[in-house]
Structure formats: C-alpha cells, structure tokens
C-alpha atoms as a PDB file:
ATOM      1  CA  UNK A   1     -36.439 130.372  37.368  1.00  0.00           C
ATOM      2  CA  UNK A   2     -34.029 128.155  39.328  1.00  0.00           C
ATOM      3  CA  UNK A   3     -36.588 125.326  39.324  1.00  0.00           C
ATOM      4  CA  UNK A   4     -36.855 125.475  35.551  1.00  0.00           C
ATOM      5  CA  UNK A   5     -33.042 125.307  35.186  1.00  0.00           C
ATOM      6  CA  UNK A   6     -32.863 122.243  37.454  1.00  0.00           C
ATOM      7  CA  UNK A   7     -35.567 120.523  35.462  1.00  0.00           C
ATOM      8  CA  UNK A   8     -33.687 121.209  32.218  1.00  0.00           C
ATOM      9  CA  UNK A   9     -30.478 119.781  33.735  1.00  0.00           C
ATOM     10  CA  UNK A  10     -32.272 116.602  34.837  1.00  0.00           C
ATOM     11  CA  UNK A  11     -33.770 116.239  31.362  1.00  0.00           C
ATOM     12  CA  UNK A  12     -30.349 116.754  29.783  1.00  0.00           C
ATOM     13  CA  UNK A  13     -28.776 114.128  32.070  1.00  0.00           C
ATOM     14  CA  UNK A  14     -31.472 111.597  31.176  1.00  0.00           C
ATOM     15  CA  UNK A  15     -31.074 112.405  27.486  1.00  0.00           C
ATOM     16  CA  UNK A  16     -27.306 111.753  27.681  1.00  0.00           C
ATOM     17  CA  UNK A  17     -27.960 108.266  29.031  1.00  0.00           C
ATOM     18  CA  UNK A  18     -30.178 107.239  26.116  1.00  0.00           C
ATOM     19  CA  UNK A  19     -28.417 104.624  23.999  1.00  0.00           C
ATOM     20  CA  UNK A  20     -29.676 104.064  20.488  1.00  0.00           C
ATOM     21  CA  UNK A  21     -28.917 100.653  19.030  1.00  0.00           C
ATOM     22  CA  UNK A  22     -29.731 100.525  15.345  1.00  0.00           C
ATOM     23  CA  UNK A  23     -30.908  97.141  14.110  1.00  0.00           C
ATOM     24  CA  UNK A  24     -31.160  96.325  10.431  1.00  0.00           C
ATOM     25  CA  UNK A  25     -34.354  94.580   9.472  1.00  0.00           C
ATOM     26  CA  UNK A  26     -32.944  91.689   7.457  1.00  0.00           C
ATOM     27  CA  UNK A  27     -34.568  88.496   6.292  1.00  0.00           C
ATOM     28  CA  UNK A  28     -33.004  85.383   7.863  1.00  0.00           C
ATOM     29  CA  UNK A  29     -32.291  83.878   4.424  1.00  0.00           C
ATOM     30  CA  UNK A  30     -30.757  87.108   3.143  1.00  0.00           C
ATOM     31  CA  UNK A  31     -28.581  87.273   6.255  1.00  0.00           C
ATOM     32  CA  UNK A  32     -27.415  83.670   5.762  1.00  0.00           C
ATOM     33  CA  UNK A  33     -26.629  84.321   2.096  1.00  0.00           C
ATOM     34  CA  UNK A  34     -24.681  87.470   2.982  1.00  0.00           C
ATOM     35  CA  UNK A  35     -22.712  85.623   5.679  1.00  0.00           C
ATOM     36  CA  UNK A  36     -21.917  82.734   3.330  1.00  0.00           C
ATOM     37  CA  UNK A  37     -20.747  85.131   0.614  1.00  0.00           C
ATOM     38  CA  UNK A  38     -18.504  86.817   3.164  1.00  0.00           C
ATOM     39  CA  UNK A  39     -17.112  83.410   4.150  1.00  0.00           C
ATOM     40  CA  UNK A  40     -16.452  82.543   0.490  1.00  0.00           C
ATOM     41  CA  UNK A  41     -14.561  85.798   0.011  1.00  0.00           C
ATOM     42  CA  UNK A  42     -12.552  85.173   3.188  1.00  0.00           C
ATOM     43  CA  UNK A  43     -11.616  81.675   2.010  1.00  0.00           C
ATOM     44  CA  UNK A  44     -10.708  83.015  -1.456  1.00  0.00           C
ATOM     45  CA  UNK A  45      -8.370  85.488   0.186  1.00  0.00           C
ATOM     46  CA  UNK A  46      -6.757  82.678   2.198  1.00  0.00           C
ATOM     47  CA  UNK A  47      -6.248  80.596  -0.950  1.00  0.00           C
ATOM     48  CA  UNK A  48      -4.850  83.595  -2.782  1.00  0.00           C
ATOM     49  CA  UNK A  49      -2.366  84.140   0.038  1.00  0.00           C
ATOM     50  CA  UNK A  50      -1.191  80.540  -0.503  1.00  0.00           C
ATOM     51  CA  UNK A  51      -0.657  81.144  -4.229  1.00  0.00           C
ATOM     52  CA  UNK A  52      -3.863  79.485  -5.415  1.00  0.00           C
ATOM     53  CA  UNK A  53      -5.938  81.631  -7.747  1.00  0.00           C
ATOM     54  CA  UNK A  54      -9.673  80.998  -7.563  1.00  0.00           C
ATOM     55  CA  UNK A  55     -12.109  81.904 -10.306  1.00  0.00           C
ATOM     56  CA  UNK A  56     -15.836  81.238 -10.352  1.00  0.00           C
ATOM     57  CA  UNK A  57     -16.055  77.478  -9.956  1.00  0.00           C
ATOM     58  CA  UNK A  58     -12.390  76.882 -10.871  1.00  0.00           C
ATOM     59  CA  UNK A  59      -9.166  76.608  -8.947  1.00  0.00           C
ATOM     60  CA  UNK A  60      -6.043  77.473 -10.880  1.00  0.00           C
ATOM     61  CA  UNK A  61      -2.590  76.812  -9.549  1.00  0.00           C
ATOM     62  CA  UNK A  62       0.863  77.174 -10.944  1.00  0.00           C
ATOM     63  CA  UNK A  63       0.739  73.426 -11.645  1.00  0.00           C
ATOM     64  CA  UNK A  64      -2.369  73.546 -13.872  1.00  0.00           C
ATOM     65  CA  UNK A  65      -0.412  73.840 -17.120  1.00  0.00           C
ATOM     66  CA  UNK A  66       1.832  70.926 -16.128  1.00  0.00           C
ATOM     67  CA  UNK A  67      -1.184  68.779 -15.245  1.00  0.00           C
ATOM     68  CA  UNK A  68      -2.930  69.697 -18.486  1.00  0.00           C
ATOM     69  CA  UNK A  69       0.155  68.779 -20.519  1.00  0.00           C
ATOM     70  CA  UNK A  70       0.484  65.493 -18.654  1.00  0.00           C
ATOM     71  CA  UNK A  71      -3.167  64.602 -19.288  1.00  0.00           C
ATOM     72  CA  UNK A  72      -2.785  65.364 -22.998  1.00  0.00           C
ATOM     73  CA  UNK A  73       0.358  63.235 -23.127  1.00  0.00           C
ATOM     74  CA  UNK A  74      -1.350  60.316 -21.409  1.00  0.00           C
ATOM     75  CA  UNK A  75      -4.380  60.588 -23.695  1.00  0.00           C
ATOM     76  CA  UNK A  76      -2.168  60.644 -26.812  1.00  0.00           C
ATOM     77  CA  UNK A  77      -0.170  57.636 -25.574  1.00  0.00           C
ATOM     78  CA  UNK A  78      -3.343  55.708 -24.828  1.00  0.00           C
ATOM     79  CA  UNK A  79      -4.815  56.580 -28.225  1.00  0.00           C
ATOM     80  CA  UNK A  80      -1.578  55.451 -29.946  1.00  0.00           C
ATOM     81  CA  UNK A  81      -1.569  52.210 -27.966  1.00  0.00           C
ATOM     82  CA  UNK A  82      -5.196  51.499 -28.916  1.00  0.00           C
ATOM     83  CA  UNK A  83      -4.529  52.236 -32.607  1.00  0.00           C
ATOM     84  CA  UNK A  84      -1.471  49.985 -32.552  1.00  0.00           C
ATOM     85  CA  UNK A  85      -3.313  47.162 -30.823  1.00  0.00           C
ATOM     86  CA  UNK A  86      -6.107  47.284 -33.358  1.00  0.00           C
ATOM     87  CA  UNK A  87      -3.661  47.349 -36.285  1.00  0.00           C
ATOM     88  CA  UNK A  88      -1.386  44.564 -34.998  1.00  0.00           C
ATOM     89  CA  UNK A  89      -3.893  42.399 -33.186  1.00  0.00           C
ATOM     90  CA  UNK A  90      -3.483  41.009 -29.658  1.00  0.00           C
ATOM     91  CA  UNK A  91      -1.059  38.196 -30.576  1.00  0.00           C
ATOM     92  CA  UNK A  92       1.481  40.431 -32.328  1.00  0.00           C
ATOM     93  CA  UNK A  93       1.280  43.072 -29.634  1.00  0.00           C
ATOM     94  CA  UNK A  94       2.382  40.677 -26.873  1.00  0.00           C
ATOM     95  CA  UNK A  95       5.005  38.815 -28.901  1.00  0.00           C
END
C-alpha cells in the first residue's frame, strides 16, 4: 500500500507543475482591428482629459462656437463686399 501512496504523491507533484496557458484563436485582421479600436479609445480619453470632446469623425472644443461665429461673420462681410462692388462698379469702389 505504501508503494501506491508514493505513486499518487509523485503524480500529484507532477500535476501541480502543469501550467495551462490559454490562447485565444483570433484572426490576425480581427486582432489588428481590435488593437486599433483600443488605441482610438485611448487617444479619445487623452483628448477628453485635455478638454477636447471627440465625436465620431468630429472634434469639438470650447472654441468651436467662436470659430463658427467668426466664419459666418467673414462670409457675410465678403458677401456684402461682393454685392457692393457689383452695385458700385470697380471705379467707384476704389475712389
């Protein structure tokens, strides 16, 4: 009976040393896509920490409304200038 007990102990010691490393079967393209999505999320978090909100395909900052207003103002001024130049003609506009 002692021989059987020793054999069981040796088996148990060998079983303790078995290391199981699970590997996910993942397509190389799927892995690349997953890693890139993770990188995008990490970069979004960095931008958010700096006060820059990121939506799908858009970056919105606290200055967006100011820039939008400025663009509208410039467009209106340019449109007014063009209307005036057409109405007055080039000689009256310069004089």
